[in-house]
Every structure is written in C-alpha cells, then in structure tokens.
C-alpha atoms as a PDB file:
ATOM      1  CA  MET A   1       4.918 -10.294 -11.043  1.00  0.00           C
ATOM      2  CA  SER A   2       3.808  -7.357 -12.773  1.00  0.00           C
ATOM      3  CA  ARG A   3       4.549  -3.641 -12.068  1.00  0.00           C
ATOM      4  CA  ALA A   4       2.776  -0.985 -10.186  1.00  0.00           C
ATOM      5  CA  ASP A   5       3.471   2.634 -10.606  1.00  0.00           C
ATOM      6  CA  ILE A   6       2.997   4.511  -7.567  1.00  0.00           C
ATOM      7  CA  ASP A   7       2.720   8.266  -8.427  1.00  0.00           C
ATOM      8  CA  TYR A   8       1.937  11.525  -6.317  1.00  0.00           C
ATOM      9  CA  LYS A   9       2.695  15.011  -7.605  1.00  0.00           C
ATOM     10  CA  ASP A  10       5.052  13.924 -10.605  1.00  0.00           C
ATOM     11  CA  LYS A  11       7.169  11.603  -8.036  1.00  0.00           C
ATOM     12  CA  GLY A  12       6.949   8.046  -7.439  1.00  0.00           C
ATOM     13  CA  PHE A  13       7.995   4.396  -7.374  1.00  0.00           C
ATOM     14  CA  VAL A  14       7.720   1.104  -9.151  1.00  0.00           C
ATOM     15  CA  THR A  15       7.439  -2.222  -7.456  1.00  0.00           C
ATOM     16  CA  SER A  16       5.316  -5.431  -7.979  1.00  0.00           C
ATOM     17  CA  ASP A  17       1.797  -4.968  -8.021  1.00  0.00           C
ATOM     18  CA  LEU A  18       1.587  -7.977  -5.364  1.00  0.00           C
ATOM     19  CA  PHE A  19       3.325  -6.163  -3.078  1.00  0.00           C
ATOM     20  CA  ILE A  20       1.424  -2.997  -3.395  1.00  0.00           C
ATOM     21  CA  GLN A  21      -1.930  -5.189  -2.886  1.00  0.00           C
ATOM     22  CA  LEU A  22      -0.512  -6.167   0.418  1.00  0.00           C
ATOM     23  CA  ALA A  23       0.728  -2.938   1.355  1.00  0.00           C
ATOM     24  CA  LEU A  24      -2.718  -1.515   0.578  1.00  0.00           C
ATOM     25  CA  PHE A  25      -4.814  -4.149   2.315  1.00  0.00           C
ATOM     26  CA  TYR A  26      -3.180  -3.078   5.611  1.00  0.00           C
ATOM     27  CA  ILE A  27      -3.628   0.671   4.678  1.00  0.00           C
ATOM     28  CA  ASN A  28      -7.155   0.057   3.869  1.00  0.00           C
ATOM     29  CA  GLU A  29      -7.758  -1.729   7.219  1.00  0.00           C
ATOM     30  CA  GLU A  30      -6.712   1.265   9.075  1.00  0.00           C
ATOM     31  CA  LEU A  31      -8.471   3.657   6.651  1.00  0.00           C
ATOM     32  CA  LYS A  32     -11.807   2.048   7.337  1.00  0.00           C
ATOM     33  CA  ASN A  33     -11.691   3.597  10.918  1.00  0.00           C
ATOM     34  CA  ASP A  34     -14.069   6.230  11.335  1.00  0.00           C
ATOM     35  CA  LYS A  35     -11.662   8.446  13.115  1.00  0.00           C
ATOM     36  CA  TYR A  36     -10.176   9.467   9.818  1.00  0.00           C
ATOM     37  CA  THR A  37     -11.773  11.819   7.386  1.00  0.00           C
ATOM     38  CA  PHE A  38     -10.631  12.473   3.871  1.00  0.00           C
ATOM     39  CA  SER A  39     -12.243  14.522   0.728  1.00  0.00           C
ATOM     40  CA  GLU A  40     -12.805  11.326  -1.248  1.00  0.00           C
ATOM     41  CA  LYS A  41     -12.411   8.288   1.534  1.00  0.00           C
ATOM     42  CA  ASN A  42     -15.066   6.450  -0.009  1.00  0.00           C
ATOM     43  CA  SER A  43     -13.721   6.346  -3.316  1.00  0.00           C
ATOM     44  CA  LEU A  44     -10.335   5.621  -2.066  1.00  0.00           C
ATOM     45  CA  LEU A  45     -11.709   2.830  -0.036  1.00  0.00           C
ATOM     46  CA  LYS A  46     -13.399   1.250  -3.175  1.00  0.00           C
ATOM     47  CA  TYR A  47     -10.401   1.878  -5.391  1.00  0.00           C
ATOM     48  CA  ASN A  48      -7.738   0.088  -2.711  1.00  0.00           C
ATOM     49  CA  GLU A  49     -10.374  -2.936  -2.429  1.00  0.00           C
ATOM     50  CA  GLU A  50     -10.438  -3.152  -6.235  1.00  0.00           C
ATOM     51  CA  VAL A  51      -6.332  -3.161  -6.260  1.00  0.00           C
ATOM     52  CA  ILE A  52      -6.456  -5.879  -3.353  1.00  0.00           C
ATOM     53  CA  ASN A  53      -9.000  -8.009  -5.252  1.00  0.00           C
ATOM     54  CA  GLY A  54      -6.841  -8.141  -8.379  1.00  0.00           C
ATOM     55  CA  VAL A  55      -8.972  -6.104 -10.799  1.00  0.00           C
ATOM     56  CA  TYR A  56      -5.947  -4.156 -11.991  1.00  0.00           C
ATOM     57  CA  ALA A  57      -3.470  -6.967 -11.925  1.00  0.00           C
ATOM     58  CA  GLY A  58      -0.913  -7.111 -14.550  1.00  0.00           C
ATOM     59  CA  TRP A  59      -0.234  -3.704 -14.527  1.00  0.00           C
ATOM     60  CA  PHE A  60      -1.529  -0.612 -12.829  1.00  0.00           C
ATOM     61  CA  ALA A  61      -0.713   2.994 -11.888  1.00  0.00           C
ATOM     62  CA  PHE A  62      -1.739   4.317  -8.302  1.00  0.00           C
ATOM     63  CA  PHE A  63      -2.144   8.056  -8.672  1.00  0.00           C
ATOM     64  CA  TRP A  64      -3.004   9.334  -5.123  1.00  0.00           C
ATOM     65  CA  ASP A  65      -3.656  12.613  -6.617  1.00  0.00           C
ATOM     66  CA  SER A  66      -6.929  11.849  -7.336  1.00  0.00           C
ATOM     67  CA  TYR A  67      -7.785  10.920  -3.681  1.00  0.00           C
ATOM     68  CA  LEU A  68      -5.629  13.274  -1.507  1.00  0.00           C
ATOM     69  CA  LEU A  69      -6.951  16.555  -2.336  1.00  0.00           C
ATOM     70  CA  ASN A  70      -5.316  18.944   0.302  1.00  0.00           C
ATOM     71  CA  LEU A  71      -2.745  19.149   3.172  1.00  0.00           C
ATOM     72  CA  ARG A  72      -5.249  17.666   5.754  1.00  0.00           C
ATOM     73  CA  ASP A  73      -5.774  14.621   3.401  1.00  0.00           C
ATOM     74  CA  GLU A  74      -2.112  14.172   3.300  1.00  0.00           C
ATOM     75  CA  GLN A  75      -1.633  14.430   6.882  1.00  0.00           C
ATOM     76  CA  THR A  76      -4.018  11.888   7.534  1.00  0.00           C
ATOM     77  CA  MET A  77      -2.617   9.414   5.182  1.00  0.00           C
ATOM     78  CA  ILE A  78       0.750   9.964   6.708  1.00  0.00           C
ATOM     79  CA  GLN A  79      -0.898   9.502  10.141  1.00  0.00           C
ATOM     80  CA  ILE A  80      -2.385   6.264   8.905  1.00  0.00           C
ATOM     81  CA  LEU A  81       1.018   5.028   7.406  1.00  0.00           C
ATOM     82  CA  GLU A  82       2.498   5.812  10.770  1.00  0.00           C
ATOM     83  CA  ASN A  83      -0.118   3.642  12.614  1.00  0.00           C
ATOM     84  CA  VAL A  84      -0.005   0.738  10.113  1.00  0.00           C
ATOM     85  CA  LYS A  85       3.755   0.560  10.689  1.00  0.00           C
ATOM     86  CA  SER A  86       3.401   0.353  14.350  1.00  0.00           C
ATOM     87  CA  ALA A  87       0.602  -2.335  14.044  1.00  0.00           C
ATOM     88  CA  ILE A  88       2.759  -4.574  11.736  1.00  0.00           C
ATOM     89  CA  ARG A  89       5.803  -4.218  13.796  1.00  0.00           C
ATOM     90  CA  ILE A  90       4.039  -5.906  16.616  1.00  0.00           C
ATOM     91  CA  LYS A  91       4.000  -8.916  14.410  1.00  0.00           C
ATOM     92  CA  GLY A  92       7.583  -9.734  14.830  1.00  0.00           C
ATOM     93  CA  ASP A  93       9.921 -10.024  11.755  1.00  0.00           C
ATOM     94  CA  PHE A  94       7.352 -11.649   9.494  1.00  0.00           C
ATOM     95  CA  ILE A  95       3.892 -11.807   8.474  1.00  0.00           C
ATOM     96  CA  SER A  96       2.962 -15.353   8.682  1.00  0.00           C
ATOM     97  CA  VAL A  97       1.730 -17.655   5.983  1.00  0.00           C
ATOM     98  CA  GLU A  98      -1.628 -17.995   7.865  1.00  0.00           C
ATOM     99  CA  GLU A  99      -2.229 -14.436   7.931  1.00  0.00           C
ATOM    100  CA  LEU A 100      -1.224 -13.868   4.151  1.00  0.00           C
ATOM    101  CA  GLN A 101      -3.498 -16.467   3.251  1.00  0.00           C
ATOM    102  CA  SER A 102      -6.420 -15.130   5.146  1.00  0.00           C
ATOM    103  CA  ILE A 103      -6.292 -11.669   3.342  1.00  0.00           C
ATOM    104  CA  PRO A 104      -9.687 -11.561   1.492  1.00  0.00           C
ATOM    105  CA  THR A 105      -8.705 -11.280  -1.979  1.00  0.00           C
ATOM    106  CA  LYS A 106     -10.389 -12.540  -5.296  1.00  0.00           C
ATOM    107  CA  ASP A 107      -6.825 -12.501  -6.907  1.00  0.00           C
ATOM    108  CA  GLY A 108      -5.632 -16.147  -7.354  1.00  0.00           C
ATOM    109  CA  ASP A 109      -2.329 -14.856  -7.780  1.00  0.00           C
ATOM    110  CA  PHE A 110      -2.034 -13.269  -4.454  1.00  0.00           C
ATOM    111  CA  LYS A 111      -2.608 -16.441  -2.916  1.00  0.00           C
ATOM    112  CA  LEU A 112      -0.181 -18.196  -4.898  1.00  0.00           C
ATOM    113  CA  LEU A 113       2.694 -15.802  -4.021  1.00  0.00           C
ATOM    114  CA  TYR A 114       1.975 -15.557  -0.292  1.00  0.00           C
ATOM    115  CA  ARG A 115       2.891 -19.081   0.629  1.00  0.00           C
ATOM    116  CA  ARG A 116       6.011 -18.127   2.747  1.00  0.00           C
ATOM    117  CA  PRO A 117       6.242 -15.497   5.548  1.00  0.00           C
ATOM    118  CA  PHE A 118       6.761 -12.052   4.354  1.00  0.00           C
ATOM    119  CA  PRO A 119       9.437  -9.736   5.948  1.00  0.00           C
ATOM    120  CA  ILE A 120       7.864  -6.739   7.647  1.00  0.00           C
ATOM    121  CA  THR A 121      10.895  -4.833   6.940  1.00  0.00           C
ATOM    122  CA  GLU A 122      10.145  -5.038   3.179  1.00  0.00           C
ATOM    123  CA  LEU A 123       6.570  -3.804   3.789  1.00  0.00           C
ATOM    124  CA  ILE A 124       7.852  -1.165   5.711  1.00  0.00           C
ATOM    125  CA  ARG A 125      10.062   0.009   2.964  1.00  0.00           C
ATOM    126  CA  ILE A 126       6.883   0.413   0.948  1.00  0.00           C
ATOM    127  CA  PHE A 127       5.254   2.332   3.853  1.00  0.00           C
ATOM    128  CA  ASN A 128       8.155   4.879   4.215  1.00  0.00           C
ATOM    129  CA  ALA A 129       8.293   5.534   0.500  1.00  0.00           C
ATOM    130  CA  LEU A 130       4.646   6.407   0.392  1.00  0.00           C
ATOM    131  CA  SER A 131       5.179   8.560   3.449  1.00  0.00           C
ATOM    132  CA  GLU A 132       8.128  10.355   1.992  1.00  0.00           C
ATOM    133  CA  LEU A 133       6.052  11.024  -1.276  1.00  0.00           C
ATOM    134  CA  LEU A 134       3.380  12.459   0.941  1.00  0.00           C
ATOM    135  CA  LYS A 135       5.755  14.852   2.846  1.00  0.00           C
ATOM    136  CA  GLY A 136       7.342  15.818  -0.498  1.00  0.00           C
ATOM    137  CA  ASN A 137      10.587  14.431   0.424  1.00  0.00           C
ATOM    138  CA  TRP A 138      10.989  11.865  -2.301  1.00  0.00           C
ATOM    139  CA  GLN A 139      13.024  13.001  -5.303  1.00  0.00           C
ATOM    140  CA  TYR A 140      12.538  10.166  -7.664  1.00  0.00           C
ATOM    141  CA  GLU A 141      10.075   9.843 -10.837  1.00  0.00           C
ATOM    142  CA  ASN A 142      10.399   6.075 -11.377  1.00  0.00           C
ATOM    143  CA  TYR A 143      12.438   4.694  -8.541  1.00  0.00           C
ATOM    144  CA  GLU A 144      12.311   0.804  -8.489  1.00  0.00           C
ATOM    145  CA  ILE A 145      11.815  -0.734  -5.224  1.00  0.00           C
ATOM    146  CA  GLU A 146      13.180  -4.214  -5.231  1.00  0.00           C
ATOM    147  CA  ILE A 147      11.493  -6.109  -2.636  1.00  0.00           C
ATOM    148  CA  GLU A 148      13.403  -9.200  -1.276  1.00  0.00           C
ATOM    149  CA  TYR A 149      10.966 -11.982  -1.181  1.00  0.00           C
END
C-alpha cells in the first residue's frame, strides 16, 4: 500500500492511500447532501471523487486548506464527520465485503484490498483524527496512523 499525507494548517497524519479512499467515500456520500454548503464544495467533491477513483494512487497529499476556507467550512466538515461516524456505527463491527466491493471506484487495487470485512473502529480512528485536525486539537505534523486490517 502507498501512503497518503493528510495535512491541515501544518498539522497532519500519514496512513495508507487505500484507507483514505475508503474514508473519503463515506465523507463524500454525506457531503453530496444539499444541506451542506462550503466555499469550495464542488471542488472538494471533485477532488474526493478523483481520490476514490485512484487518480492519485501511489502517493498523494490531501490538503484541506485548499477547500475549507473559513470557520463555517470547518464546522460544517466536523458535522459531516460526526454524521458519517453515526451512520457507519449502525453497520455493526464491520463494513461487509459486499458493501466494500460495491463502492464505485476505477481503482483496481481498492477492489483487491477490500476482500474481507473492514473494522468500523479503524475507520472511525481516521474520522476522529480528521475531526481533531479541524478543531485545532491535533498536535502532530506527520503522525503515522497504523490501521489494523
């Protein structure tokens, strides 16, 4: 697996790009809802879709600074992350193989990796880290998030 650097206001973390693709799929599905407004919503949706489709496979850096331009954008994304966490917790302990395989992506590596259930707790770790970044509570610049999968 390749790495993804997640950065916001000079803080961030590193994990596998395939795990970020999975997280961004769920974020993007919630973000599509018309009730959310962002300064750069269409650009963010497009970028997320490119990541999900493996356009940046191998290595990419995700800089939310380019898409979340003000406090309202940050607060909206924090709410999206909370809503996504609530929605995936309902699924139980794992995201099923069937659901993982049904995620629309052009990235063949994504389909190869997700051939067994994915633990919800590991995905929530990513969402929590993203939320802490947005809240300004994240103290690390390049923290390695090891996902148990």
